């Protein structure tokens, strides 16, 4: 099972079991990552890579909200975080 935790509009934690999910999230990481999700500022390319990786996740947790969300909800969260 592939699991992803999102916080501050980006990746906070993960557990990946499939090669496809690992490769997809690696594209996000290749853009450069901070050790702190709070300090991470994803580029537009990283956001797109993260949105692609979300498609491989079986479970997605929004840490601040304390709830599991669907893939589509997670994609919207990443796209819109910090815009309001």
C-alpha atoms as a PDB file:
ATOM      1  CA  UNK A   1       0.000   0.000   0.000  1.00  0.00           C
ATOM      2  CA  UNK A   2       1.283   3.456  -0.951  1.00  0.00           C
ATOM      3  CA  UNK A   3       0.667   6.147   1.662  1.00  0.00           C
ATOM      4  CA  UNK A   4       1.330   9.870   1.535  1.00  0.00           C
ATOM      5  CA  UNK A   5       0.983  12.544   4.207  1.00  0.00           C
ATOM      6  CA  UNK A   6       0.636  16.146   3.080  1.00  0.00           C
ATOM      7  CA  UNK A   7       1.258  19.225   5.202  1.00  0.00           C
ATOM      8  CA  UNK A   8       1.937  22.879   4.335  1.00  0.00           C
ATOM      9  CA  UNK A   9       0.921  22.083   0.758  1.00  0.00           C
ATOM     10  CA  UNK A  10       3.681  19.541   0.203  1.00  0.00           C
ATOM     11  CA  UNK A  11       4.978  16.122   1.202  1.00  0.00           C
ATOM     12  CA  UNK A  12       5.404  15.508   4.921  1.00  0.00           C
ATOM     13  CA  UNK A  13       5.802  11.713   5.006  1.00  0.00           C
ATOM     14  CA  UNK A  14       5.403   8.669   2.799  1.00  0.00           C
ATOM     15  CA  UNK A  15       5.424   4.895   2.685  1.00  0.00           C
ATOM     16  CA  UNK A  16       5.798   3.559  -0.831  1.00  0.00           C
ATOM     17  CA  UNK A  17       5.661  -0.056  -1.859  1.00  0.00           C
ATOM     18  CA  UNK A  18       5.330  -0.011  -5.649  1.00  0.00           C
ATOM     19  CA  UNK A  19       8.076   0.919  -8.112  1.00  0.00           C
ATOM     20  CA  UNK A  20       5.691   3.254  -9.952  1.00  0.00           C
ATOM     21  CA  UNK A  21       4.912   5.252  -6.812  1.00  0.00           C
ATOM     22  CA  UNK A  22       8.596   5.414  -5.880  1.00  0.00           C
ATOM     23  CA  UNK A  23       9.548   6.684  -9.343  1.00  0.00           C
ATOM     24  CA  UNK A  24       6.759   9.258  -9.358  1.00  0.00           C
ATOM     25  CA  UNK A  25       7.666  10.682  -5.948  1.00  0.00           C
ATOM     26  CA  UNK A  26      11.354  10.644  -6.899  1.00  0.00           C
ATOM     27  CA  UNK A  27      10.531  13.140  -9.683  1.00  0.00           C
ATOM     28  CA  UNK A  28       9.246  15.502  -6.970  1.00  0.00           C
ATOM     29  CA  UNK A  29      12.354  14.926  -4.820  1.00  0.00           C
ATOM     30  CA  UNK A  30      14.702  15.479  -7.759  1.00  0.00           C
ATOM     31  CA  UNK A  31      13.664  19.145  -7.693  1.00  0.00           C
ATOM     32  CA  UNK A  32      15.320  19.524  -4.312  1.00  0.00           C
ATOM     33  CA  UNK A  33      13.718  19.086  -0.915  1.00  0.00           C
ATOM     34  CA  UNK A  34      14.082  20.543   2.539  1.00  0.00           C
ATOM     35  CA  UNK A  35      14.335  18.375   5.638  1.00  0.00           C
ATOM     36  CA  UNK A  36      11.326  20.316   6.930  1.00  0.00           C
ATOM     37  CA  UNK A  37       7.970  20.304   5.126  1.00  0.00           C
ATOM     38  CA  UNK A  38       7.353  23.758   6.577  1.00  0.00           C
ATOM     39  CA  UNK A  39      10.466  25.084   4.812  1.00  0.00           C
ATOM     40  CA  UNK A  40       9.758  23.289   1.522  1.00  0.00           C
ATOM     41  CA  UNK A  41       8.738  25.584  -1.329  1.00  0.00           C
ATOM     42  CA  UNK A  42       7.806  23.423  -4.302  1.00  0.00           C
ATOM     43  CA  UNK A  43       8.466  24.738  -7.783  1.00  0.00           C
ATOM     44  CA  UNK A  44       5.656  24.498 -10.359  1.00  0.00           C
ATOM     45  CA  UNK A  45       7.455  21.435 -11.765  1.00  0.00           C
ATOM     46  CA  UNK A  46       7.571  19.822  -8.330  1.00  0.00           C
ATOM     47  CA  UNK A  47       3.862  20.498  -7.813  1.00  0.00           C
ATOM     48  CA  UNK A  48       3.096  18.753 -11.104  1.00  0.00           C
ATOM     49  CA  UNK A  49       5.319  15.809 -10.143  1.00  0.00           C
ATOM     50  CA  UNK A  50       3.561  15.591  -6.771  1.00  0.00           C
ATOM     51  CA  UNK A  51       0.151  15.670  -8.430  1.00  0.00           C
ATOM     52  CA  UNK A  52       1.293  12.834 -10.687  1.00  0.00           C
ATOM     53  CA  UNK A  53       2.568  10.863  -7.673  1.00  0.00           C
ATOM     54  CA  UNK A  54      -0.775  11.302  -5.896  1.00  0.00           C
ATOM     55  CA  UNK A  55      -2.306   9.180  -8.651  1.00  0.00           C
ATOM     56  CA  UNK A  56      -0.363   6.169  -7.326  1.00  0.00           C
ATOM     57  CA  UNK A  57      -1.392   6.574  -3.690  1.00  0.00           C
ATOM     58  CA  UNK A  58      -3.820   4.265  -1.929  1.00  0.00           C
ATOM     59  CA  UNK A  59      -4.120   6.455   1.153  1.00  0.00           C
ATOM     60  CA  UNK A  60      -3.568  10.202   1.503  1.00  0.00           C
ATOM     61  CA  UNK A  61      -3.609  11.953   4.869  1.00  0.00           C
ATOM     62  CA  UNK A  62      -3.896  15.720   5.308  1.00  0.00           C
ATOM     63  CA  UNK A  63      -1.977  16.278   8.504  1.00  0.00           C
ATOM     64  CA  UNK A  64      -3.387  19.662   9.575  1.00  0.00           C
ATOM     65  CA  UNK A  65      -6.960  18.587   8.862  1.00  0.00           C
ATOM     66  CA  UNK A  66      -6.485  15.180  10.486  1.00  0.00           C
ATOM     67  CA  UNK A  67      -8.297  13.257   7.782  1.00  0.00           C
ATOM     68  CA  UNK A  68      -7.883  10.948   4.828  1.00  0.00           C
ATOM     69  CA  UNK A  69      -8.802  12.421   1.462  1.00  0.00           C
ATOM     70  CA  UNK A  70      -9.392  11.171  -2.053  1.00  0.00           C
ATOM     71  CA  UNK A  71      -6.793  11.544  -4.773  1.00  0.00           C
ATOM     72  CA  UNK A  72      -8.785  14.378  -6.336  1.00  0.00           C
ATOM     73  CA  UNK A  73      -9.057  16.221  -3.015  1.00  0.00           C
ATOM     74  CA  UNK A  74      -5.310  15.824  -2.492  1.00  0.00           C
ATOM     75  CA  UNK A  75      -4.574  17.187  -5.967  1.00  0.00           C
ATOM     76  CA  UNK A  76      -6.766  20.225  -5.293  1.00  0.00           C
ATOM     77  CA  UNK A  77      -5.027  20.731  -1.944  1.00  0.00           C
ATOM     78  CA  UNK A  78      -1.601  20.800  -3.637  1.00  0.00           C
ATOM     79  CA  UNK A  79      -2.801  23.045  -6.479  1.00  0.00           C
ATOM     80  CA  UNK A  80      -4.480  25.587  -4.231  1.00  0.00           C
ATOM     81  CA  UNK A  81      -2.419  25.626  -1.047  1.00  0.00           C
ATOM     82  CA  UNK A  82      -1.489  29.179  -0.080  1.00  0.00           C
ATOM     83  CA  UNK A  83      -3.566  30.865  -2.788  1.00  0.00           C
ATOM     84  CA  UNK A  84      -6.284  32.237  -0.521  1.00  0.00           C
END
